[in-house]
Amino acid sequence: MVPPVQVEQEKTLVVWKAPARPFKPRGSQFLTVPMVIAILVGIILLLAGEWMLIAVVASLVFAYYVWSTIPPVEAEFSITTRGVRVAGQLYVWEVLTRWWITEKWGARILTIETPVVTVGRILMPLSKQAEKEVETEMGKYLLKEQPADTWLDKAGRWMTEKFPLEEKV
């Protein structure tokens, strides 16, 4: 005889509110380089008669402008006994593999790897009050391990160092 499966109700362990994504206010010079590159690519595509690709480049530049200038909304993040909730969306522990904390533009970010889900990684900005609690609770469910940088990570870091889009103040 198979013993009955114990079903436990979901309990919230840690809840915090933070901006939905890291954000850094930018100056007007920041968009100059991407605009010049987009215009040059647009001229080349115009000569080739690729109207759809020109529209794609224009839409990418517009999206980049919006993401760079409009501050993010505040979202609610939580860790529960069933998994991680990001703005109401539940990611169960079974699809998560490991986690680590990184920093970008002065904001601490909880990064959770999830190879089963399409996105691959869940990024959750942390509030200063919740960071210690998050580390304690995450350690109970998942392995804390930051993967080594790939060649793409190294190439991206090199590009941002060699070709900055704005001057450092």
Protein backbone atom coordinates (compact mmCIF):
# COMPACT_ATOMS: atom_id res chain seq x y z
CA MET A 1 0.00 0.00 0.00
CA VAL A 2 1.35 3.42 -1.00
CA PRO A 3 1.31 6.04 1.77
CA PRO A 4 -0.74 9.17 0.99
CA VAL A 5 1.17 12.19 -0.30
CA GLN A 6 1.40 15.05 2.16
CA VAL A 7 0.15 18.28 0.60
CA GLU A 8 1.20 21.47 2.32
CA GLN A 9 -0.40 24.84 1.72
CA GLU A 10 1.85 27.53 0.31
CA LYS A 11 3.41 29.75 2.98
CA THR A 12 5.13 33.03 2.24
CA LEU A 13 8.62 33.14 3.73
CA VAL A 14 10.00 36.49 2.50
CA VAL A 15 8.28 39.37 0.67
CA TRP A 16 9.87 42.57 -0.63
CA LYS A 17 9.16 45.34 -3.09
CA ALA A 18 11.80 46.70 -5.44
CA PRO A 19 12.05 48.22 -8.91
CA ALA A 20 11.20 45.62 -11.57
CA ARG A 21 14.64 46.01 -13.18
CA PRO A 22 17.92 47.81 -12.48
CA PHE A 23 17.86 51.39 -13.69
CA LYS A 24 20.50 54.07 -14.13
CA PRO A 25 19.53 57.60 -15.16
CA ARG A 26 21.33 58.53 -18.38
CA GLY A 27 22.44 61.78 -19.89
CA SER A 28 21.55 63.01 -23.38
CA GLN A 29 24.95 61.89 -24.71
CA PHE A 30 24.10 58.25 -23.99
CA LEU A 31 21.80 57.88 -27.00
CA THR A 32 24.09 59.67 -29.47
CA VAL A 33 26.23 56.65 -30.34
CA PRO A 34 23.33 54.18 -30.82
CA MET A 35 21.47 56.74 -32.95
CA VAL A 36 24.50 57.31 -35.21
CA ILE A 37 25.00 53.56 -35.61
CA ALA A 38 21.30 53.07 -36.39
CA ILE A 39 21.34 55.87 -38.98
CA LEU A 40 24.41 54.40 -40.71
CA VAL A 41 22.88 50.90 -40.75
CA GLY A 42 19.61 52.44 -41.98
CA ILE A 43 21.37 54.16 -44.89
CA ILE A 44 23.06 50.89 -45.90
CA LEU A 45 19.74 49.06 -45.69
CA LEU A 46 18.03 51.85 -47.67
CA LEU A 47 20.55 51.43 -50.47
CA ALA A 48 19.88 47.68 -50.41
CA GLY A 49 16.11 48.28 -50.47
CA GLU A 50 15.48 46.38 -47.23
CA TRP A 51 12.46 48.31 -45.91
CA MET A 52 11.46 45.70 -43.31
CA LEU A 53 14.96 45.61 -41.81
CA ILE A 54 14.92 49.40 -41.58
CA ALA A 55 11.67 49.13 -39.61
CA VAL A 56 13.23 46.50 -37.33
CA VAL A 57 16.29 48.70 -36.65
CA ALA A 58 14.05 51.70 -35.96
CA SER A 59 11.90 49.69 -33.55
CA LEU A 60 14.97 48.35 -31.73
CA VAL A 61 16.34 51.88 -31.31
CA PHE A 62 12.97 53.04 -30.00
CA ALA A 63 12.77 50.13 -27.51
CA TYR A 64 16.33 50.86 -26.35
CA TYR A 65 15.41 54.52 -25.86
CA VAL A 66 12.32 53.61 -23.81
CA TRP A 67 14.15 51.09 -21.60
CA SER A 68 16.99 53.57 -21.02
CA THR A 69 14.92 56.62 -20.13
CA ILE A 70 11.76 55.46 -18.36
CA PRO A 71 12.26 54.30 -14.76
CA PRO A 72 10.83 50.88 -13.89
CA VAL A 73 7.69 50.31 -11.85
CA GLU A 74 7.89 48.82 -8.39
CA ALA A 75 7.14 45.08 -8.31
CA GLU A 76 6.51 42.61 -5.50
CA PHE A 77 8.79 39.61 -5.12
CA SER A 78 8.40 36.72 -2.69
CA ILE A 79 9.89 33.41 -1.68
CA THR A 80 7.37 30.78 -0.62
CA THR A 81 7.42 27.13 0.36
CA ARG A 82 6.35 26.23 -3.22
CA GLY A 83 8.82 28.42 -5.10
CA VAL A 84 9.57 32.00 -6.10
CA ARG A 85 6.91 34.56 -7.07
CA VAL A 86 7.79 37.42 -9.40
CA ALA A 87 4.93 39.91 -9.79
CA GLY A 88 2.38 37.13 -9.18
CA GLN A 89 4.02 34.53 -11.46
CA LEU A 90 5.06 31.36 -9.56
CA TYR A 91 8.25 29.48 -10.47
CA VAL A 92 8.23 26.19 -8.53
CA TRP A 93 11.37 24.83 -6.90
CA GLU A 94 11.44 21.84 -9.26
CA VAL A 95 12.30 24.02 -12.29
CA LEU A 96 14.97 26.09 -10.49
CA THR A 97 18.56 24.86 -10.26
CA ARG A 98 20.87 27.37 -8.55
CA TRP A 99 21.07 30.99 -7.42
CA TRP A 100 23.57 33.77 -6.71
CA ILE A 101 23.61 37.50 -6.00
CA THR A 102 25.17 40.00 -8.39
CA GLU A 103 25.36 43.77 -8.57
CA LYS A 104 24.49 46.12 -11.43
CA TRP A 105 24.50 49.92 -11.27
CA GLY A 106 24.57 49.83 -7.48
CA ALA A 107 21.57 47.50 -7.16
CA ARG A 108 21.87 43.99 -5.68
CA ILE A 109 20.17 41.37 -7.88
CA LEU A 110 19.09 37.85 -6.97
CA THR A 111 19.73 35.69 -10.04
CA ILE A 112 18.04 32.28 -10.23
CA GLU A 113 18.88 29.83 -12.99
CA THR A 114 15.96 27.93 -14.50
CA PRO A 115 16.89 25.92 -17.61
CA VAL A 116 13.38 24.44 -17.97
CA VAL A 117 11.64 27.81 -18.38
CA THR A 118 12.14 29.78 -21.62
CA VAL A 119 13.85 32.78 -20.01
CA GLY A 120 16.72 30.75 -18.52
CA ARG A 121 17.38 33.16 -15.65
CA ILE A 122 15.12 35.05 -13.31
CA LEU A 123 16.48 38.42 -12.15
CA MET A 124 14.99 39.85 -8.96
CA PRO A 125 16.31 43.18 -7.63
CA LEU A 126 16.70 43.04 -3.85
CA SER A 127 15.80 45.61 -1.25
CA LYS A 128 18.39 46.23 1.45
CA GLN A 129 16.06 44.98 4.19
CA ALA A 130 15.29 41.64 2.52
CA GLU A 131 18.77 40.57 1.40
CA LYS A 132 19.79 38.60 4.52
CA GLU A 133 16.40 36.90 4.80
CA VAL A 134 16.49 35.99 1.11
CA GLU A 135 19.95 34.43 1.44
CA THR A 136 18.81 32.35 4.42
CA GLU A 137 15.61 31.07 2.77
CA MET A 138 17.12 30.43 -0.67
CA GLY A 139 19.89 28.36 0.93
CA LYS A 140 17.26 25.96 2.27
CA TYR A 141 15.91 25.11 -1.20
CA LEU A 142 18.62 25.65 -3.83
CA LEU A 143 22.37 25.51 -4.29
CA LYS A 144 24.15 28.88 -4.07
CA GLU A 145 26.64 28.76 -6.94
CA GLN A 146 27.62 31.39 -9.45
CA PRO A 147 28.60 29.95 -12.84
CA ALA A 148 31.89 30.88 -14.48
CA ASP A 149 31.74 33.64 -17.08
CA THR A 150 31.22 32.41 -20.63
CA TRP A 151 33.08 33.81 -23.62
CA LEU A 152 29.99 35.88 -24.41
CA ASP A 153 30.03 37.46 -20.91
CA LYS A 154 33.72 38.28 -21.30
CA ALA A 155 33.20 39.71 -24.80
CA GLY A 156 30.32 41.89 -23.61
CA ARG A 157 32.36 43.22 -20.69
CA TRP A 158 35.28 43.95 -23.03
CA MET A 159 32.99 45.79 -25.48
CA THR A 160 31.50 47.99 -22.76
CA GLU A 161 34.97 48.85 -21.47
CA LYS A 162 36.48 49.60 -24.90
CA PHE A 163 33.45 51.27 -26.49
CA PRO A 164 31.48 53.07 -23.76
CA LEU A 165 28.24 54.75 -24.84
CA GLU A 166 28.82 57.66 -22.47
CA GLU A 167 31.74 59.31 -20.72
CA LYS A 168 32.43 58.35 -17.12
CA VAL A 169 31.85 61.23 -14.75
